[in-house]
Amino acid sequence: MAYIDLTTKNFNETLDSNDIVIIDFWAQWCGPCLQFAPIFEKVAEDNPDVVFGKVNTEEQKAISAEYGVQSIPTLMVVREGIILLNQAGSLPEDAFDKMIAHVKGLDMDHVRAEIAKDEEADD
């Protein structure tokens, strides 16, 4: 298995102790979730340097609520503790691969500077 099941017991620790974490919010009854699962697993196997996790929204309602997941599947991408993507829907394999390459190539110092600038503008 190329991904881990995330629960309230290991969710925050997983985000805190890994550079890049990609999370699939899903449920057993969700047809699109089940269709996306093989793509998620294949991309996870192809990217061993990235942590892939799945959150069963039926079993982990607190996590889903905390991150505003209202429809599934939802993909969330976290790098260095910063949520870069939290979006409903699945991706075809090629788009998923491109997204991961983009995330790996980001200059996180620049991202943090942009976030700080946005926060200053909000004050």
PDB file of N, CA and C in Angstrom:
ATOM      1  N   MET A   1       0.845  -1.185   0.000  1.00  0.00           N
ATOM      2  CA  MET A   1       0.000   0.000   0.000  1.00  0.00           C
ATOM      3  C   MET A   1       0.889   1.247   0.000  1.00  0.00           C
ATOM      4  N   ALA A   2       0.645   2.125  -0.956  1.00  0.00           N
ATOM      5  CA  ALA A   2       1.485   3.303  -1.130  1.00  0.00           C
ATOM      6  C   ALA A   2       0.955   4.529  -0.396  1.00  0.00           C
ATOM      7  N   TYR A   3      -0.116   4.345   0.370  1.00  0.00           N
ATOM      8  CA  TYR A   3      -0.665   5.469   1.118  1.00  0.00           C
ATOM      9  C   TYR A   3      -0.983   5.011   2.537  1.00  0.00           C
ATOM     10  N   ILE A   4      -1.232   5.998   3.400  1.00  0.00           N
ATOM     11  CA  ILE A   4      -1.594   5.665   4.778  1.00  0.00           C
ATOM     12  C   ILE A   4      -3.011   6.136   5.049  1.00  0.00           C
ATOM     13  N   ASP A   5      -3.687   5.435   5.925  1.00  0.00           N
ATOM     14  CA  ASP A   5      -5.007   5.866   6.364  1.00  0.00           C
ATOM     15  C   ASP A   5      -4.810   6.901   7.465  1.00  0.00           C
ATOM     16  N   LEU A   6      -5.394   8.067   7.263  1.00  0.00           N
ATOM     17  CA  LEU A   6      -5.242   9.146   8.233  1.00  0.00           C
ATOM     18  C   LEU A   6      -6.467   9.206   9.143  1.00  0.00           C
ATOM     19  N   THR A   7      -6.192   9.358  10.426  1.00  0.00           N
ATOM     20  CA  THR A   7      -7.236   9.467  11.439  1.00  0.00           C
ATOM     21  C   THR A   7      -6.888  10.640  12.347  1.00  0.00           C
ATOM     22  N   THR A   8      -7.753  10.921  13.303  1.00  0.00           N
ATOM     23  CA  THR A   8      -7.456  11.992  14.246  1.00  0.00           C
ATOM     24  C   THR A   8      -6.189  11.684  15.044  1.00  0.00           C
ATOM     25  N   LYS A   9      -5.826  10.420  15.138  1.00  0.00           N
ATOM     26  CA  LYS A   9      -4.627  10.038  15.900  1.00  0.00           C
ATOM     27  C   LYS A   9      -3.323  10.359  15.177  1.00  0.00           C
ATOM     28  N   ASN A  10      -3.311  10.310  13.844  1.00  0.00           N
ATOM     29  CA  ASN A  10      -2.048  10.506  13.126  1.00  0.00           C
ATOM     30  C   ASN A  10      -2.067  11.656  12.115  1.00  0.00           C
ATOM     31  N   PHE A  11      -3.185  12.343  11.976  1.00  0.00           N
ATOM     32  CA  PHE A  11      -3.315  13.365  10.946  1.00  0.00           C
ATOM     33  C   PHE A  11      -2.315  14.513  11.135  1.00  0.00           C
ATOM     34  N   ASN A  12      -2.373  15.189  12.277  1.00  0.00           N
ATOM     35  CA  ASN A  12      -1.499  16.356  12.495  1.00  0.00           C
ATOM     36  C   ASN A  12      -0.031  15.964  12.495  1.00  0.00           C
ATOM     37  N   GLU A  13       0.291  14.839  13.102  1.00  0.00           N
ATOM     38  CA  GLU A  13       1.680  14.378  13.118  1.00  0.00           C
ATOM     39  C   GLU A  13       2.183  14.127  11.698  1.00  0.00           C
ATOM     40  N   THR A  14       1.332  13.552  10.861  1.00  0.00           N
ATOM     41  CA  THR A  14       1.711  13.289   9.471  1.00  0.00           C
ATOM     42  C   THR A  14       1.992  14.592   8.739  1.00  0.00           C
ATOM     43  N   LEU A  15       1.126  15.587   8.903  1.00  0.00           N
ATOM     44  CA  LEU A  15       1.347  16.871   8.255  1.00  0.00           C
ATOM     45  C   LEU A  15       2.598  17.561   8.792  1.00  0.00           C
ATOM     46  N   ASP A  16       2.816  17.475  10.100  1.00  0.00           N
ATOM     47  CA  ASP A  16       3.946  18.169  10.723  1.00  0.00           C
ATOM     48  C   ASP A  16       5.298  17.536  10.404  1.00  0.00           C
ATOM     49  N   SER A  17       5.328  16.232  10.166  1.00  0.00           N
ATOM     50  CA  SER A  17       6.616  15.546  10.046  1.00  0.00           C
ATOM     51  C   SER A  17       6.985  15.168   8.617  1.00  0.00           C
ATOM     52  N   ASN A  18       6.254  15.673   7.620  1.00  0.00           N
ATOM     53  CA  ASN A  18       6.564  15.365   6.221  1.00  0.00           C
ATOM     54  C   ASN A  18       6.532  16.632   5.382  1.00  0.00           C
ATOM     55  N   ASP A  19       7.413  16.690   4.396  1.00  0.00           N
ATOM     56  CA  ASP A  19       7.525  17.861   3.534  1.00  0.00           C
ATOM     57  C   ASP A  19       6.262  18.060   2.697  1.00  0.00           C
ATOM     58  N   ILE A  20       5.864  17.018   1.966  1.00  0.00           N
ATOM     59  CA  ILE A  20       4.684  17.107   1.106  1.00  0.00           C
ATOM     60  C   ILE A  20       3.729  15.978   1.476  1.00  0.00           C
ATOM     61  N   VAL A  21       2.472  16.343   1.712  1.00  0.00           N
ATOM     62  CA  VAL A  21       1.431  15.364   2.013  1.00  0.00           C
ATOM     63  C   VAL A  21       0.250  15.640   1.090  1.00  0.00           C
ATOM     64  N   ILE A  22      -0.208  14.589   0.411  1.00  0.00           N
ATOM     65  CA  ILE A  22      -1.368  14.696  -0.469  1.00  0.00           C
ATOM     66  C   ILE A  22      -2.456  13.803   0.112  1.00  0.00           C
ATOM     67  N   ILE A  23      -3.622  14.392   0.325  1.00  0.00           N
ATOM     68  CA  ILE A  23      -4.696  13.701   1.029  1.00  0.00           C
ATOM     69  C   ILE A  23      -5.922  13.577   0.132  1.00  0.00           C
ATOM     70  N   ASP A  24      -6.478  12.383   0.118  1.00  0.00           N
ATOM     71  CA  ASP A  24      -7.721  12.097  -0.590  1.00  0.00           C
ATOM     72  C   ASP A  24      -8.814  11.906   0.453  1.00  0.00           C
ATOM     73  N   PHE A  25      -9.776  12.827   0.483  1.00  0.00           N
ATOM     74  CA  PHE A  25     -10.951  12.679   1.342  1.00  0.00           C
ATOM     75  C   PHE A  25     -11.974  11.884   0.532  1.00  0.00           C
ATOM     76  N   TRP A  26     -12.458  10.782   1.082  1.00  0.00           N
ATOM     77  CA  TRP A  26     -13.311   9.868   0.331  1.00  0.00           C
ATOM     78  C   TRP A  26     -14.305   9.173   1.261  1.00  0.00           C
ATOM     79  N   ALA A  27     -15.226   8.416   0.659  1.00  0.00           N
ATOM     80  CA  ALA A  27     -16.145   7.557   1.411  1.00  0.00           C
ATOM     81  C   ALA A  27     -16.440   6.313   0.576  1.00  0.00           C
ATOM     82  N   GLN A  28     -16.750   5.229   1.249  1.00  0.00           N
ATOM     83  CA  GLN A  28     -16.995   3.945   0.588  1.00  0.00           C
ATOM     84  C   GLN A  28     -18.183   3.997  -0.377  1.00  0.00           C
ATOM     85  N   TRP A  29     -19.187   4.812  -0.068  1.00  0.00           N
ATOM     86  CA  TRP A  29     -20.402   4.884  -0.884  1.00  0.00           C
ATOM     87  C   TRP A  29     -20.269   5.805  -2.096  1.00  0.00           C
ATOM     88  N   CYS A  30     -19.150   6.504  -2.209  1.00  0.00           N
ATOM     89  CA  CYS A  30     -18.948   7.533  -3.235  1.00  0.00           C
ATOM     90  C   CYS A  30     -18.373   6.919  -4.516  1.00  0.00           C
ATOM     91  N   GLY A  31     -19.195   6.852  -5.547  1.00  0.00           N
ATOM     92  CA  GLY A  31     -18.751   6.287  -6.825  1.00  0.00           C
ATOM     93  C   GLY A  31     -17.532   6.984  -7.409  1.00  0.00           C
ATOM     94  N   PRO A  32     -17.527   8.323  -7.528  1.00  0.00           N
ATOM     95  CA  PRO A  32     -16.342   9.005  -8.051  1.00  0.00           C
ATOM     96  C   PRO A  32     -15.088   8.760  -7.200  1.00  0.00           C
ATOM     97  N   CYS A  33     -15.268   8.607  -5.883  1.00  0.00           N
ATOM     98  CA  CYS A  33     -14.130   8.307  -5.003  1.00  0.00           C
ATOM     99  C   CYS A  33     -13.529   6.951  -5.361  1.00  0.00           C
ATOM    100  N   LEU A  34     -14.394   5.977  -5.582  1.00  0.00           N
ATOM    101  CA  LEU A  34     -13.935   4.629  -5.909  1.00  0.00           C
ATOM    102  C   LEU A  34     -13.276   4.601  -7.289  1.00  0.00           C
ATOM    103  N   GLN A  35     -13.755   5.430  -8.209  1.00  0.00           N
ATOM    104  CA  GLN A  35     -13.131   5.516  -9.534  1.00  0.00           C
ATOM    105  C   GLN A  35     -11.751   6.173  -9.454  1.00  0.00           C
ATOM    106  N   PHE A  36     -11.603   7.137  -8.555  1.00  0.00           N
ATOM    107  CA  PHE A  36     -10.341   7.863  -8.414  1.00  0.00           C
ATOM    108  C   PHE A  36      -9.300   7.047  -7.645  1.00  0.00           C
ATOM    109  N   ALA A  37      -9.727   6.128  -6.811  1.00  0.00           N
ATOM    110  CA  ALA A  37      -8.811   5.375  -5.940  1.00  0.00           C
ATOM    111  C   ALA A  37      -7.643   4.731  -6.684  1.00  0.00           C
ATOM    112  N   PRO A  38      -7.843   4.040  -7.815  1.00  0.00           N
ATOM    113  CA  PRO A  38      -6.694   3.434  -8.498  1.00  0.00           C
ATOM    114  C   PRO A  38      -5.693   4.464  -9.021  1.00  0.00           C
ATOM    115  N   ILE A  39      -6.188   5.625  -9.447  1.00  0.00           N
ATOM    116  CA  ILE A  39      -5.293   6.693  -9.912  1.00  0.00           C
ATOM    117  C   ILE A  39      -4.467   7.200  -8.732  1.00  0.00           C
ATOM    118  N   PHE A  40      -5.132   7.456  -7.598  1.00  0.00           N
ATOM    119  CA  PHE A  40      -4.450   7.931  -6.397  1.00  0.00           C
ATOM    120  C   PHE A  40      -3.363   6.936  -5.985  1.00  0.00           C
ATOM    121  N   GLU A  41      -3.697   5.654  -5.984  1.00  0.00           N
ATOM    122  CA  GLU A  41      -2.738   4.623  -5.577  1.00  0.00           C
ATOM    123  C   GLU A  41      -1.564   4.532  -6.543  1.00  0.00           C
ATOM    124  N   LYS A  42      -1.825   4.621  -7.850  1.00  0.00           N
ATOM    125  CA  LYS A  42      -0.742   4.552  -8.844  1.00  0.00           C
ATOM    126  C   LYS A  42       0.193   5.741  -8.708  1.00  0.00           C
ATOM    127  N   VAL A  43      -0.371   6.927  -8.589  1.00  0.00           N
ATOM    128  CA  VAL A  43       0.457   8.131  -8.444  1.00  0.00           C
ATOM    129  C   VAL A  43       1.244   8.069  -7.140  1.00  0.00           C
ATOM    130  N   ALA A  44       0.643   7.544  -6.085  1.00  0.00           N
ATOM    131  CA  ALA A  44       1.351   7.380  -4.808  1.00  0.00           C
ATOM    132  C   ALA A  44       2.542   6.444  -4.977  1.00  0.00           C
ATOM    133  N   GLU A  45       2.359   5.343  -5.681  1.00  0.00           N
ATOM    134  CA  GLU A  45       3.455   4.398  -5.914  1.00  0.00           C
ATOM    135  C   GLU A  45       4.561   5.027  -6.738  1.00  0.00           C
ATOM    136  N   ASP A  46       4.189   5.910  -7.669  1.00  0.00           N
ATOM    137  CA  ASP A  46       5.172   6.558  -8.546  1.00  0.00           C
ATOM    138  C   ASP A  46       5.917   7.700  -7.872  1.00  0.00           C
ATOM    139  N   ASN A  47       5.483   8.114  -6.670  1.00  0.00           N
ATOM    140  CA  ASN A  47       6.095   9.252  -5.971  1.00  0.00           C
ATOM    141  C   ASN A  47       6.415   8.878  -4.522  1.00  0.00           C
ATOM    142  N   PRO A  48       7.390   7.995  -4.322  1.00  0.00           N
ATOM    143  CA  PRO A  48       7.688   7.537  -2.963  1.00  0.00           C
ATOM    144  C   PRO A  48       8.245   8.629  -2.049  1.00  0.00           C
ATOM    145  N   ASP A  49       8.656   9.763  -2.621  1.00  0.00           N
ATOM    146  CA  ASP A  49       9.183  10.871  -1.824  1.00  0.00           C
ATOM    147  C   ASP A  49       8.074  11.768  -1.271  1.00  0.00           C
ATOM    148  N   VAL A  50       6.826  11.463  -1.619  1.00  0.00           N
ATOM    149  CA  VAL A  50       5.670  12.225  -1.156  1.00  0.00           C
ATOM    150  C   VAL A  50       4.822  11.297  -0.291  1.00  0.00           C
ATOM    151  N   VAL A  51       4.257  11.836   0.780  1.00  0.00           N
ATOM    152  CA  VAL A  51       3.362  11.045   1.626  1.00  0.00           C
ATOM    153  C   VAL A  51       1.939  11.210   1.103  1.00  0.00           C
ATOM    154  N   PHE A  52       1.290  10.097   0.855  1.00  0.00           N
ATOM    155  CA  PHE A  52      -0.096  10.077   0.401  1.00  0.00           C
ATOM    156  C   PHE A  52      -0.948   9.491   1.513  1.00  0.00           C
ATOM    157  N   GLY A  53      -2.055  10.156   1.806  1.00  0.00           N
ATOM    158  CA  GLY A  53      -2.951   9.681   2.846  1.00  0.00           C
ATOM    159  C   GLY A  53      -4.393   9.754   2.403  1.00  0.00           C
ATOM    160  N   LYS A  54      -5.198   8.895   2.991  1.00  0.00           N
ATOM    161  CA  LYS A  54      -6.630   8.887   2.700  1.00  0.00           C
ATOM    162  C   LYS A  54      -7.401   9.110   3.992  1.00  0.00           C
ATOM    163  N   VAL A  55      -8.414   9.963   3.921  1.00  0.00           N
ATOM    164  CA  VAL A  55      -9.288  10.223   5.057  1.00  0.00           C
ATOM    165  C   VAL A  55     -10.681   9.732   4.685  1.00  0.00           C
ATOM    166  N   ASN A  56     -11.153   8.727   5.405  1.00  0.00           N
ATOM    167  CA  ASN A  56     -12.522   8.241   5.221  1.00  0.00           C
ATOM    168  C   ASN A  56     -13.438   9.236   5.927  1.00  0.00           C
ATOM    169  N   THR A  57     -14.202   9.986   5.149  1.00  0.00           N
ATOM    170  CA  THR A  57     -15.008  11.069   5.715  1.00  0.00           C
ATOM    171  C   THR A  57     -16.132  10.559   6.607  1.00  0.00           C
ATOM    172  N   GLU A  58     -16.540   9.327   6.445  1.00  0.00           N
ATOM    173  CA  GLU A  58     -17.582   8.745   7.305  1.00  0.00           C
ATOM    174  C   GLU A  58     -17.023   8.430   8.691  1.00  0.00           C
ATOM    175  N   GLU A  59     -15.761   8.016   8.734  1.00  0.00           N
ATOM    176  CA  GLU A  59     -15.143   7.631   9.999  1.00  0.00           C
ATOM    177  C   GLU A  59     -14.408   8.788  10.677  1.00  0.00           C
ATOM    178  N   GLN A  60     -13.997   9.772   9.908  1.00  0.00           N
ATOM    179  CA  GLN A  60     -13.177  10.878  10.425  1.00  0.00           C
ATOM    180  C   GLN A  60     -13.885  12.209  10.194  1.00  0.00           C
ATOM    181  N   LYS A  61     -15.077  12.336  10.733  1.00  0.00           N
ATOM    182  CA  LYS A  61     -15.900  13.538  10.508  1.00  0.00           C
ATOM    183  C   LYS A  61     -15.235  14.801  11.054  1.00  0.00           C
ATOM    184  N   ALA A  62     -14.488  14.682  12.142  1.00  0.00           N
ATOM    185  CA  ALA A  62     -13.845  15.864  12.731  1.00  0.00           C
ATOM    186  C   ALA A  62     -12.810  16.456  11.781  1.00  0.00           C
ATOM    187  N   ILE A  63     -12.030  15.612  11.128  1.00  0.00           N
ATOM    188  CA  ILE A  63     -11.021  16.104  10.178  1.00  0.00           C
ATOM    189  C   ILE A  63     -11.716  16.757   8.992  1.00  0.00           C
ATOM    190  N   SER A  64     -12.737  16.099   8.470  1.00  0.00           N
ATOM    191  CA  SER A  64     -13.472  16.653   7.328  1.00  0.00           C
ATOM    192  C   SER A  64     -14.061  18.012   7.667  1.00  0.00           C
ATOM    193  N   ALA A  65     -14.628  18.131   8.850  1.00  0.00           N
ATOM    194  CA  ALA A  65     -15.220  19.403   9.273  1.00  0.00           C
ATOM    195  C   ALA A  65     -14.151  20.478   9.430  1.00  0.00           C
ATOM    196  N   GLU A  66     -13.038  20.115  10.046  1.00  0.00           N
ATOM    197  CA  GLU A  66     -11.970  21.090  10.290  1.00  0.00           C
ATOM    198  C   GLU A  66     -11.448  21.698   8.986  1.00  0.00           C
ATOM    199  N   TYR A  67     -11.416  20.895   7.916  1.00  0.00           N
ATOM    200  CA  TYR A  67     -10.870  21.369   6.651  1.00  0.00           C
ATOM    201  C   TYR A  67     -11.955  21.729   5.628  1.00  0.00           C
ATOM    202  N   GLY A  68     -13.195  21.815   6.084  1.00  0.00           N
ATOM    203  CA  GLY A  68     -14.275  22.301   5.233  1.00  0.00           C
ATOM    204  C   GLY A  68     -14.633  21.395   4.071  1.00  0.00           C
ATOM    205  N   VAL A  69     -14.423  20.111   4.223  1.00  0.00           N
ATOM    206  CA  VAL A  69     -14.745  19.176   3.140  1.00  0.00           C
ATOM    207  C   VAL A  69     -16.256  18.979   3.107  1.00  0.00           C
ATOM    208  N   GLN A  70     -16.858  19.406   2.003  1.00  0.00           N
ATOM    209  CA  GLN A  70     -18.310  19.300   1.877  1.00  0.00           C
ATOM    210  C   GLN A  70     -18.736  18.372   0.754  1.00  0.00           C
ATOM    211  N   SER A  71     -17.838  18.106  -0.182  1.00  0.00           N
ATOM    212  CA  SER A  71     -18.141  17.135  -1.229  1.00  0.00           C
ATOM    213  C   SER A  71     -16.889  16.307  -1.472  1.00  0.00           C
ATOM    214  N   ILE A  72     -17.109  15.107  -1.951  1.00  0.00           N
ATOM    215  CA  ILE A  72     -15.992  14.184  -2.138  1.00  0.00           C
ATOM    216  C   ILE A  72     -16.061  13.571  -3.527  1.00  0.00           C
ATOM    217  N   PRO A  73     -14.919  13.175  -4.082  1.00  0.00           N
ATOM    218  CA  PRO A  73     -13.609  13.252  -3.452  1.00  0.00           C
ATOM    219  C   PRO A  73     -13.114  14.695  -3.368  1.00  0.00           C
ATOM    220  N   THR A  74     -12.313  14.957  -2.364  1.00  0.00           N
ATOM    221  CA  THR A  74     -11.609  16.224  -2.227  1.00  0.00           C
ATOM    222  C   THR A  74     -10.128  15.916  -2.081  1.00  0.00           C
ATOM    223  N   LEU A  75      -9.308  16.660  -2.805  1.00  0.00           N
ATOM    224  CA  LEU A  75      -7.856  16.535  -2.695  1.00  0.00           C
ATOM    225  C   LEU A  75      -7.319  17.711  -1.908  1.00  0.00           C
ATOM    226  N   MET A  76      -6.421  17.423  -0.986  1.00  0.00           N
ATOM    227  CA  MET A  76      -5.743  18.468  -0.238  1.00  0.00           C
ATOM    228  C   MET A  76      -4.245  18.229  -0.364  1.00  0.00           C
ATOM    229  N   VAL A  77      -3.510  19.273  -0.691  1.00  0.00           N
ATOM    230  CA  VAL A  77      -2.066  19.195  -0.829  1.00  0.00           C
ATOM    231  C   VAL A  77      -1.448  20.143   0.193  1.00  0.00           C
ATOM    232  N   VAL A  78      -0.541  19.596   1.007  1.00  0.00           N
ATOM    233  CA  VAL A  78       0.131  20.376   2.039  1.00  0.00           C
ATOM    234  C   VAL A  78       1.635  20.244   1.824  1.00  0.00           C
ATOM    235  N   ARG A  79       2.311  21.374   1.790  1.00  0.00           N
ATOM    236  CA  ARG A  79       3.776  21.353   1.718  1.00  0.00           C
ATOM    237  C   ARG A  79       4.310  22.253   2.817  1.00  0.00           C
ATOM    238  N   GLU A  80       5.214  21.707   3.606  1.00  0.00           N
ATOM    239  CA  GLU A  80       5.834  22.432   4.721  1.00  0.00           C
ATOM    240  C   GLU A  80       4.777  23.084   5.612  1.00  0.00           C
ATOM    241  N   GLY A  81       3.677  22.365   5.826  1.00  0.00           N
ATOM    242  CA  GLY A  81       2.631  22.839   6.719  1.00  0.00           C
ATOM    243  C   GLY A  81       1.667  23.845   6.112  1.00  0.00           C
ATOM    244  N   ILE A  82       1.841  24.180   4.845  1.00  0.00           N
ATOM    245  CA  ILE A  82       0.989  25.157   4.172  1.00  0.00           C
ATOM    246  C   ILE A  82       0.049  24.420   3.219  1.00  0.00           C
ATOM    247  N   ILE A  83      -1.246  24.668   3.356  1.00  0.00           N
ATOM    248  CA  ILE A  83      -2.224  24.062   2.454  1.00  0.00           C
ATOM    249  C   ILE A  83      -2.157  24.801   1.122  1.00  0.00           C
ATOM    250  N   LEU A  84      -1.747  24.085   0.092  1.00  0.00           N
ATOM    251  CA  LEU A  84      -1.628  24.667  -1.240  1.00  0.00           C
ATOM    252  C   LEU A  84      -2.869  24.415  -2.083  1.00  0.00           C
ATOM    253  N   LEU A  85      -3.591  23.348  -1.771  1.00  0.00           N
ATOM    254  CA  LEU A  85      -4.797  22.989  -2.513  1.00  0.00           C
ATOM    255  C   LEU A  85      -5.750  22.290  -1.561  1.00  0.00           C
ATOM    256  N   ASN A  86      -7.008  22.653  -1.636  1.00  0.00           N
ATOM    257  CA  ASN A  86      -8.061  21.958  -0.898  1.00  0.00           C
ATOM    258  C   ASN A  86      -9.293  22.096  -1.783  1.00  0.00           C
ATOM    259  N   GLN A  87      -9.461  21.109  -2.684  1.00  0.00           N
ATOM    260  CA  GLN A  87     -10.439  21.265  -3.745  1.00  0.00           C
ATOM    261  C   GLN A  87     -11.186  19.962  -4.001  1.00  0.00           C
ATOM    262  N   ALA A  88     -12.488  20.090  -4.161  1.00  0.00           N
ATOM    263  CA  ALA A  88     -13.300  18.924  -4.496  1.00  0.00           C
ATOM    264  C   ALA A  88     -13.017  18.495  -5.927  1.00  0.00           C
ATOM    265  N   GLY A  89     -13.123  17.190  -6.152  1.00  0.00           N
ATOM    266  CA  GLY A  89     -12.944  16.635  -7.490  1.00  0.00           C
ATOM    267  C   GLY A  89     -11.708  15.765  -7.560  1.00  0.00           C
ATOM    268  N   SER A  90     -11.664  14.971  -8.591  1.00  0.00           N
ATOM    269  CA  SER A  90     -10.515  14.102  -8.806  1.00  0.00           C
ATOM    270  C   SER A  90      -9.742  14.614 -10.012  1.00  0.00           C
ATOM    271  N   LEU A  91      -8.593  14.021 -10.236  1.00  0.00           N
ATOM    272  CA  LEU A  91      -7.753  14.410 -11.364  1.00  0.00           C
ATOM    273  C   LEU A  91      -7.426  13.188 -12.204  1.00  0.00           C
ATOM    274  N   PRO A  92      -7.316  13.361 -13.530  1.00  0.00           N
ATOM    275  CA  PRO A  92      -6.762  12.279 -14.326  1.00  0.00           C
ATOM    276  C   PRO A  92      -5.280  12.125 -13.973  1.00  0.00           C
ATOM    277  N   GLU A  93      -4.728  10.954 -14.237  1.00  0.00           N
ATOM    278  CA  GLU A  93      -3.358  10.664 -13.812  1.00  0.00           C
ATOM    279  C   GLU A  93      -2.352  11.685 -14.324  1.00  0.00           C
ATOM    280  N   ASP A  94      -2.431  12.080 -15.597  1.00  0.00           N
ATOM    281  CA  ASP A  94      -1.441  13.016 -16.133  1.00  0.00           C
ATOM    282  C   ASP A  94      -1.527  14.383 -15.457  1.00  0.00           C
ATOM    283  N   ALA A  95      -2.734  14.856 -15.174  1.00  0.00           N
ATOM    284  CA  ALA A  95      -2.889  16.141 -14.483  1.00  0.00           C
ATOM    285  C   ALA A  95      -2.394  16.038 -13.039  1.00  0.00           C
ATOM    286  N   PHE A  96      -2.625  14.899 -12.412  1.00  0.00           N
ATOM    287  CA  PHE A  96      -2.159  14.656 -11.045  1.00  0.00           C
ATOM    288  C   PHE A  96      -0.633  14.703 -11.011  1.00  0.00           C
ATOM    289  N   ASP A  97       0.002  14.041 -11.975  1.00  0.00           N
ATOM    290  CA  ASP A  97       1.471  14.046 -12.056  1.00  0.00           C
ATOM    291  C   ASP A  97       2.009  15.462 -12.250  1.00  0.00           C
ATOM    292  N   LYS A  98       1.356  16.240 -13.111  1.00  0.00           N
ATOM    293  CA  LYS A  98       1.792  17.626 -13.356  1.00  0.00           C
ATOM    294  C   LYS A  98       1.633  18.469 -12.095  1.00  0.00           C
ATOM    295  N   MET A  99       0.539  18.266 -11.380  1.00  0.00           N
ATOM    296  CA  MET A  99       0.310  19.020 -10.148  1.00  0.00           C
ATOM    297  C   MET A  99       1.397  18.706  -9.123  1.00  0.00           C
ATOM    298  N   ILE A 100       1.759  17.445  -8.990  1.00  0.00           N
ATOM    299  CA  ILE A 100       2.806  17.063  -8.037  1.00  0.00           C
ATOM    300  C   ILE A 100       4.146  17.674  -8.439  1.00  0.00           C
ATOM    301  N   ALA A 101       4.465  17.641  -9.723  1.00  0.00           N
ATOM    302  CA  ALA A 101       5.711  18.256 -10.194  1.00  0.00           C
ATOM    303  C   ALA A 101       5.713  19.749  -9.876  1.00  0.00           C
ATOM    304  N   HIS A 102       4.587  20.405 -10.052  1.00  0.00           N
ATOM    305  CA  HIS A 102       4.467  21.832  -9.739  1.00  0.00           C
ATOM    306  C   HIS A 102       4.701  22.078  -8.247  1.00  0.00           C
ATOM    307  N   VAL A 103       4.069  21.279  -7.404  1.00  0.00           N
ATOM    308  CA  VAL A 103       4.215  21.434  -5.952  1.00  0.00           C
ATOM    309  C   VAL A 103       5.668  21.215  -5.536  1.00  0.00           C
ATOM    310  N   LYS A 104       6.315  20.208  -6.102  1.00  0.00           N
ATOM    311  CA  LYS A 104       7.720  19.933  -5.772  1.00  0.00           C
ATOM    312  C   LYS A 104       8.626  21.090  -6.189  1.00  0.00           C
ATOM    313  N   GLY A 105       8.251  21.778  -7.273  1.00  0.00           N
ATOM    314  CA  GLY A 105       9.085  22.853  -7.794  1.00  0.00           C
ATOM    315  C   GLY A 105       8.853  24.217  -7.168  1.00  0.00           C
ATOM    316  N   LEU A 106       7.877  24.324  -6.295  1.00  0.00           N
ATOM    317  CA  LEU A 106       7.572  25.625  -5.687  1.00  0.00           C
ATOM    318  C   LEU A 106       8.714  26.125  -4.806  1.00  0.00           C
ATOM    319  N   ASP A 107       8.933  27.423  -4.853  1.00  0.00           N
ATOM    320  CA  ASP A 107       9.853  28.092  -3.942  1.00  0.00           C
ATOM    321  C   ASP A 107       9.039  28.461  -2.707  1.00  0.00           C
ATOM    322  N   MET A 108       9.183  27.665  -1.657  1.00  0.00           N
ATOM    323  CA  MET A 108       8.331  27.855  -0.480  1.00  0.00           C
ATOM    324  C   MET A 108       8.647  29.148   0.270  1.00  0.00           C
ATOM    325  N   ASP A 109       9.863  29.666   0.154  1.00  0.00           N
ATOM    326  CA  ASP A 109      10.157  30.976   0.755  1.00  0.00           C
ATOM    327  C   ASP A 109       9.302  32.048   0.070  1.00  0.00           C
ATOM    328  N   HIS A 110       9.162  31.938  -1.240  1.00  0.00           N
ATOM    329  CA  HIS A 110       8.322  32.871  -1.988  1.00  0.00           C
ATOM    330  C   HIS A 110       6.851  32.712  -1.581  1.00  0.00           C
ATOM    331  N   VAL A 111       6.399  31.470  -1.441  1.00  0.00           N
ATOM    332  CA  VAL A 111       5.013  31.212  -1.036  1.00  0.00           C
ATOM    333  C   VAL A 111       4.747  31.834   0.334  1.00  0.00           C
ATOM    334  N   ARG A 112       5.676  31.614   1.292  1.00  0.00           N
ATOM    335  CA  ARG A 112       5.504  32.192   2.630  1.00  0.00           C
ATOM    336  C   ARG A 112       5.483  33.720   2.572  1.00  0.00           C
ATOM    337  N   ALA A 113       6.331  34.308   1.724  1.00  0.00           N
ATOM    338  CA  ALA A 113       6.368  35.769   1.578  1.00  0.00           C
ATOM    339  C   ALA A 113       5.036  36.281   1.023  1.00  0.00           C
ATOM    340  N   GLU A 114       4.463  35.570   0.056  1.00  0.00           N
ATOM    341  CA  GLU A 114       3.167  35.974  -0.513  1.00  0.00           C
ATOM    342  C   GLU A 114       2.058  35.872   0.529  1.00  0.00           C
ATOM    343  N   ILE A 115       2.099  34.828   1.336  1.00  0.00           N
ATOM    344  CA  ILE A 115       1.099  34.672   2.399  1.00  0.00           C
ATOM    345  C   ILE A 115       1.222  35.817   3.396  1.00  0.00           C
ATOM    346  N   ALA A 116       2.445  36.153   3.776  1.00  0.00           N
ATOM    347  CA  ALA A 116       2.674  37.253   4.715  1.00  0.00           C
ATOM    348  C   ALA A 116       2.166  38.567   4.134  1.00  0.00           C
ATOM    349  N   LYS A 117       2.410  38.784   2.858  1.00  0.00           N
ATOM    350  CA  LYS A 117       1.931  39.994   2.199  1.00  0.00           C
ATOM    351  C   LYS A 117       0.400  40.065   2.211  1.00  0.00           C
ATOM    352  N   ASP A 118      -0.242  38.941   1.919  1.00  0.00           N
ATOM    353  CA  ASP A 118      -1.710  38.881   1.947  1.00  0.00           C
ATOM    354  C   ASP A 118      -2.244  39.150   3.339  1.00  0.00           C
ATOM    355  N   GLU A 119      -1.576  38.603   4.355  1.00  0.00           N
ATOM    356  CA  GLU A 119      -2.015  38.799   5.734  1.00  0.00           C
ATOM    357  C   GLU A 119      -1.858  40.253   6.148  1.00  0.00           C
ATOM    358  N   GLU A 120      -0.780  40.913   5.721  1.00  0.00           N
ATOM    359  CA  GLU A 120      -0.587  42.325   6.017  1.00  0.00           C
ATOM    360  C   GLU A 120      -1.675  43.169   5.355  1.00  0.00           C
ATOM    361  N   ALA A 121      -2.033  42.807   4.124  1.00  0.00           N
ATOM    362  CA  ALA A 121      -3.065  43.569   3.403  1.00  0.00           C
ATOM    363  C   ALA A 121      -4.426  43.412   4.094  1.00  0.00           C
ATOM    364  N   ASP A 122      -4.647  42.266   4.723  1.00  0.00           N
ATOM    365  CA  ASP A 122      -5.919  42.035   5.419  1.00  0.00           C
ATOM    366  C   ASP A 122      -6.010  42.809   6.737  1.00  0.00           C
ATOM    367  N   ASP A 123      -4.876  43.191   7.302  1.00  0.00           N
ATOM    368  CA  ASP A 123      -4.882  43.910   8.596  1.00  0.00           C
ATOM    369  C   ASP A 123      -5.291  45.340   8.478  1.00  0.00           C
TER     370      ASP A 123
END
